[in-house]
Amino acid sequence: MEQGVEIGAWRVNITLTALATIGVLAATFYGLKLVQAAFHGPEVLRSPIPDLGVREGLMVGLMIAVLSFLGFYPRPVLHTFQPAMTELFSLRR
């Protein structure tokens, strides 16, 4: 929702839209930090186990690549359910 508003506002006033976008991002990060502190509290035990190994890094990288591809080119996924949507629209008439 915010993204559509910001795209429309960008045409009217670039400076205010950039500031509003920074405000939305700051509020998001603040809210995430607040939720993290509320649910997890302070870190009490330091673990020698690494957070992200090579295998996990490859999986995260693969997920980022696939989601980025689908974000820029969603047509393959959208065409999978187009016959069902056509059938639903024909039943509605």
N, C-alpha and C. Protein backbone atom coordinates (compact mmCIF):
# COMPACT_ATOMS: atom_id res chain seq x y z
N MET A 1 0.82 -1.19 0.00
CA MET A 1 0.00 0.00 0.00
C MET A 1 0.87 1.25 0.00
N GLU A 2 1.84 1.30 0.89
CA GLU A 2 2.68 2.49 0.97
C GLU A 2 3.45 2.71 -0.33
N GLN A 3 3.82 1.60 -0.96
CA GLN A 3 4.62 1.71 -2.17
C GLN A 3 3.83 2.41 -3.29
N GLY A 4 2.56 2.09 -3.42
CA GLY A 4 1.74 2.74 -4.44
C GLY A 4 1.57 4.22 -4.16
N VAL A 5 1.39 4.56 -2.89
CA VAL A 5 1.26 5.97 -2.52
C VAL A 5 2.56 6.71 -2.79
N GLU A 6 3.68 6.08 -2.45
CA GLU A 6 4.96 6.74 -2.66
C GLU A 6 5.28 6.93 -4.13
N ILE A 7 4.89 5.98 -4.96
CA ILE A 7 5.12 6.14 -6.40
C ILE A 7 4.31 7.31 -6.93
N GLY A 8 3.06 7.44 -6.48
CA GLY A 8 2.25 8.57 -6.90
C GLY A 8 2.76 9.89 -6.35
N ALA A 9 3.22 9.89 -5.10
CA ALA A 9 3.71 11.12 -4.49
C ALA A 9 5.04 11.55 -5.08
N TRP A 10 5.81 10.60 -5.61
CA TRP A 10 7.13 10.91 -6.18
C TRP A 10 6.99 11.92 -7.31
N ARG A 11 5.89 11.84 -8.06
CA ARG A 11 5.68 12.75 -9.17
C ARG A 11 5.36 14.16 -8.70
N VAL A 12 4.84 14.29 -7.49
CA VAL A 12 4.44 15.59 -6.97
C VAL A 12 5.59 16.29 -6.27
N ASN A 13 6.25 15.57 -5.32
CA ASN A 13 7.33 16.19 -4.56
C ASN A 13 8.35 15.11 -4.19
N ILE A 14 9.48 15.16 -4.86
CA ILE A 14 10.50 14.13 -4.68
C ILE A 14 11.11 14.19 -3.28
N THR A 15 11.38 15.38 -2.79
CA THR A 15 12.04 15.53 -1.50
C THR A 15 11.19 14.99 -0.36
N LEU A 16 9.92 15.39 -0.32
CA LEU A 16 9.05 14.90 0.75
C LEU A 16 8.81 13.40 0.65
N THR A 17 8.74 12.89 -0.58
CA THR A 17 8.55 11.45 -0.74
C THR A 17 9.77 10.69 -0.25
N ALA A 18 10.97 11.20 -0.53
CA ALA A 18 12.19 10.55 -0.04
C ALA A 18 12.23 10.57 1.49
N LEU A 19 11.86 11.68 2.09
CA LEU A 19 11.82 11.76 3.55
C LEU A 19 10.76 10.81 4.13
N ALA A 20 9.61 10.72 3.47
CA ALA A 20 8.57 9.81 3.94
C ALA A 20 9.02 8.36 3.85
N THR A 21 9.74 8.02 2.79
CA THR A 21 10.25 6.66 2.64
C THR A 21 11.26 6.34 3.73
N ILE A 22 12.13 7.27 4.02
CA ILE A 22 13.10 7.08 5.11
C ILE A 22 12.36 6.91 6.43
N GLY A 23 11.29 7.67 6.63
CA GLY A 23 10.50 7.54 7.85
C GLY A 23 9.83 6.18 7.98
N VAL A 24 9.31 5.66 6.86
CA VAL A 24 8.68 4.34 6.88
C VAL A 24 9.73 3.27 7.21
N LEU A 25 10.89 3.37 6.61
CA LEU A 25 11.96 2.41 6.89
C LEU A 25 12.43 2.51 8.34
N ALA A 26 12.58 3.72 8.85
CA ALA A 26 13.01 3.90 10.24
C ALA A 26 11.98 3.31 11.21
N ALA A 27 10.70 3.54 10.92
CA ALA A 27 9.65 2.99 11.77
C ALA A 27 9.65 1.46 11.74
N THR A 28 9.92 0.90 10.57
CA THR A 28 9.98 -0.56 10.45
C THR A 28 11.13 -1.12 11.27
N PHE A 29 12.30 -0.54 11.13
CA PHE A 29 13.45 -1.01 11.90
C PHE A 29 13.24 -0.84 13.40
N TYR A 30 12.64 0.27 13.79
CA TYR A 30 12.37 0.50 15.21
C TYR A 30 11.39 -0.55 15.74
N GLY A 31 10.33 -0.82 14.96
CA GLY A 31 9.36 -1.82 15.39
C GLY A 31 9.98 -3.20 15.49
N LEU A 32 10.83 -3.57 14.54
CA LEU A 32 11.50 -4.86 14.61
C LEU A 32 12.41 -4.96 15.82
N LYS A 33 13.13 -3.89 16.11
CA LYS A 33 14.01 -3.88 17.28
C LYS A 33 13.19 -4.01 18.56
N LEU A 34 12.05 -3.34 18.61
CA LEU A 34 11.17 -3.40 19.77
C LEU A 34 10.62 -4.82 19.97
N VAL A 35 10.18 -5.45 18.89
CA VAL A 35 9.66 -6.82 18.97
C VAL A 35 10.77 -7.78 19.39
N GLN A 36 11.96 -7.60 18.85
CA GLN A 36 13.07 -8.46 19.21
C GLN A 36 13.39 -8.34 20.71
N ALA A 37 13.41 -7.12 21.20
CA ALA A 37 13.70 -6.92 22.62
C ALA A 37 12.58 -7.49 23.50
N ALA A 38 11.34 -7.37 23.06
CA ALA A 38 10.22 -7.85 23.86
C ALA A 38 10.17 -9.38 23.90
N PHE A 39 10.46 -10.02 22.80
CA PHE A 39 10.33 -11.47 22.75
C PHE A 39 11.60 -12.22 23.14
N HIS A 40 12.75 -11.63 22.86
CA HIS A 40 13.99 -12.35 23.09
C HIS A 40 14.82 -11.80 24.25
N GLY A 41 14.64 -10.55 24.59
CA GLY A 41 15.39 -9.96 25.69
C GLY A 41 16.88 -9.84 25.37
N PRO A 42 17.67 -9.51 26.36
CA PRO A 42 19.11 -9.37 26.12
C PRO A 42 19.76 -10.74 25.92
N GLU A 43 20.86 -10.74 25.20
CA GLU A 43 21.59 -11.98 24.95
C GLU A 43 22.34 -12.36 26.23
N VAL A 44 22.08 -13.55 26.73
CA VAL A 44 22.69 -13.98 27.99
C VAL A 44 23.81 -15.00 27.78
N LEU A 45 23.80 -15.70 26.67
CA LEU A 45 24.79 -16.74 26.45
C LEU A 45 25.41 -16.59 25.08
N ARG A 46 26.71 -16.41 25.05
CA ARG A 46 27.41 -16.32 23.77
C ARG A 46 27.77 -17.72 23.34
N SER A 47 27.36 -18.10 22.16
CA SER A 47 27.60 -19.44 21.65
C SER A 47 28.75 -19.42 20.64
N PRO A 48 29.64 -20.41 20.68
CA PRO A 48 30.73 -20.44 19.72
C PRO A 48 30.31 -20.95 18.35
N ILE A 49 29.03 -21.35 18.19
CA ILE A 49 28.54 -21.87 16.92
C ILE A 49 28.34 -20.69 15.96
N PRO A 50 28.86 -20.80 14.75
CA PRO A 50 28.69 -19.70 13.79
C PRO A 50 27.22 -19.56 13.38
N ASP A 51 26.84 -18.35 13.08
CA ASP A 51 25.45 -18.09 12.73
C ASP A 51 25.08 -18.67 11.36
N LEU A 52 25.95 -18.53 10.38
CA LEU A 52 25.61 -18.91 9.03
C LEU A 52 26.79 -19.61 8.39
N GLY A 53 26.63 -20.89 8.08
CA GLY A 53 27.68 -21.65 7.42
C GLY A 53 27.61 -21.49 5.91
N VAL A 54 28.48 -22.16 5.21
CA VAL A 54 28.52 -22.07 3.75
C VAL A 54 27.24 -22.64 3.15
N ARG A 55 26.80 -23.80 3.65
CA ARG A 55 25.59 -24.44 3.13
C ARG A 55 24.37 -23.53 3.30
N GLU A 56 24.21 -22.94 4.48
CA GLU A 56 23.08 -22.06 4.72
C GLU A 56 23.18 -20.79 3.86
N GLY A 57 24.41 -20.30 3.70
CA GLY A 57 24.61 -19.12 2.86
C GLY A 57 24.22 -19.38 1.41
N LEU A 58 24.54 -20.56 0.91
CA LEU A 58 24.15 -20.92 -0.46
C LEU A 58 22.63 -21.02 -0.59
N MET A 59 21.98 -21.58 0.43
CA MET A 59 20.52 -21.69 0.37
C MET A 59 19.85 -20.32 0.41
N VAL A 60 20.36 -19.45 1.27
CA VAL A 60 19.80 -18.09 1.35
C VAL A 60 20.04 -17.36 0.03
N GLY A 61 21.23 -17.52 -0.53
CA GLY A 61 21.54 -16.89 -1.82
C GLY A 61 20.62 -17.38 -2.93
N LEU A 62 20.35 -18.69 -2.92
CA LEU A 62 19.45 -19.26 -3.92
C LEU A 62 18.03 -18.71 -3.75
N MET A 63 17.57 -18.62 -2.50
CA MET A 63 16.24 -18.06 -2.27
C MET A 63 16.16 -16.60 -2.71
N ILE A 64 17.20 -15.83 -2.44
CA ILE A 64 17.22 -14.43 -2.86
C ILE A 64 17.17 -14.34 -4.38
N ALA A 65 17.94 -15.20 -5.05
CA ALA A 65 17.96 -15.17 -6.51
C ALA A 65 16.59 -15.53 -7.10
N VAL A 66 15.95 -16.58 -6.58
CA VAL A 66 14.66 -17.01 -7.10
C VAL A 66 13.60 -15.95 -6.82
N LEU A 67 13.57 -15.41 -5.61
CA LEU A 67 12.57 -14.38 -5.28
C LEU A 67 12.80 -13.10 -6.06
N SER A 68 14.05 -12.73 -6.31
CA SER A 68 14.33 -11.56 -7.13
C SER A 68 13.85 -11.78 -8.56
N PHE A 69 14.11 -12.98 -9.11
CA PHE A 69 13.65 -13.29 -10.46
C PHE A 69 12.14 -13.21 -10.54
N LEU A 70 11.45 -13.82 -9.56
CA LEU A 70 9.99 -13.79 -9.57
C LEU A 70 9.45 -12.38 -9.33
N GLY A 71 10.19 -11.56 -8.61
CA GLY A 71 9.76 -10.19 -8.40
C GLY A 71 9.83 -9.36 -9.67
N PHE A 72 10.85 -9.59 -10.49
CA PHE A 72 11.00 -8.84 -11.73
C PHE A 72 10.27 -9.50 -12.90
N TYR A 73 10.08 -10.80 -12.85
CA TYR A 73 9.43 -11.53 -13.95
C TYR A 73 8.46 -12.57 -13.38
N PRO A 74 7.27 -12.13 -12.94
CA PRO A 74 6.33 -13.05 -12.29
C PRO A 74 5.48 -13.87 -13.26
N ARG A 75 5.64 -13.63 -14.55
CA ARG A 75 4.77 -14.28 -15.54
C ARG A 75 4.73 -15.81 -15.44
N PRO A 76 5.86 -16.51 -15.23
CA PRO A 76 5.76 -17.98 -15.15
C PRO A 76 4.83 -18.46 -14.04
N VAL A 77 4.83 -17.79 -12.92
CA VAL A 77 3.96 -18.20 -11.81
C VAL A 77 2.51 -17.79 -12.08
N LEU A 78 2.33 -16.61 -12.64
CA LEU A 78 0.97 -16.14 -12.89
C LEU A 78 0.26 -16.98 -13.94
N HIS A 79 1.01 -17.50 -14.93
CA HIS A 79 0.39 -18.31 -15.97
C HIS A 79 -0.02 -19.69 -15.48
N THR A 80 0.50 -20.13 -14.33
CA THR A 80 0.12 -21.45 -13.84
C THR A 80 -1.33 -21.50 -13.38
N PHE A 81 -1.87 -20.40 -12.88
CA PHE A 81 -3.26 -20.43 -12.42
C PHE A 81 -4.19 -19.64 -13.34
N GLN A 82 -3.72 -19.25 -14.53
CA GLN A 82 -4.59 -18.49 -15.42
C GLN A 82 -5.77 -19.31 -15.95
N PRO A 83 -5.60 -20.60 -16.29
CA PRO A 83 -6.78 -21.37 -16.72
C PRO A 83 -7.87 -21.44 -15.64
N ALA A 84 -7.49 -21.59 -14.41
CA ALA A 84 -8.48 -21.63 -13.33
C ALA A 84 -9.18 -20.29 -13.19
N MET A 85 -8.44 -19.20 -13.32
CA MET A 85 -9.06 -17.87 -13.20
C MET A 85 -10.01 -17.61 -14.37
N THR A 86 -9.62 -18.05 -15.56
CA THR A 86 -10.50 -17.90 -16.72
C THR A 86 -11.80 -18.67 -16.51
N GLU A 87 -11.68 -19.87 -15.97
CA GLU A 87 -12.87 -20.68 -15.69
C GLU A 87 -13.75 -20.01 -14.63
N LEU A 88 -13.14 -19.43 -13.60
CA LEU A 88 -13.93 -18.74 -12.57
C LEU A 88 -14.66 -17.54 -13.14
N PHE A 89 -13.97 -16.77 -13.99
CA PHE A 89 -14.60 -15.58 -14.56
C PHE A 89 -15.74 -15.97 -15.53
N SER A 90 -15.58 -17.10 -16.22
CA SER A 90 -16.65 -17.53 -17.12
C SER A 90 -17.88 -18.01 -16.34
N LEU A 91 -17.66 -18.59 -15.15
CA LEU A 91 -18.79 -19.02 -14.32
C LEU A 91 -19.54 -17.84 -13.72
N ARG A 92 -18.85 -16.75 -13.53
CA ARG A 92 -19.47 -15.57 -12.91
C ARG A 92 -20.45 -14.89 -13.84
N ARG A 93 -20.24 -15.02 -15.14
CA ARG A 93 -21.11 -14.31 -16.09
C ARG A 93 -22.37 -15.02 -16.36
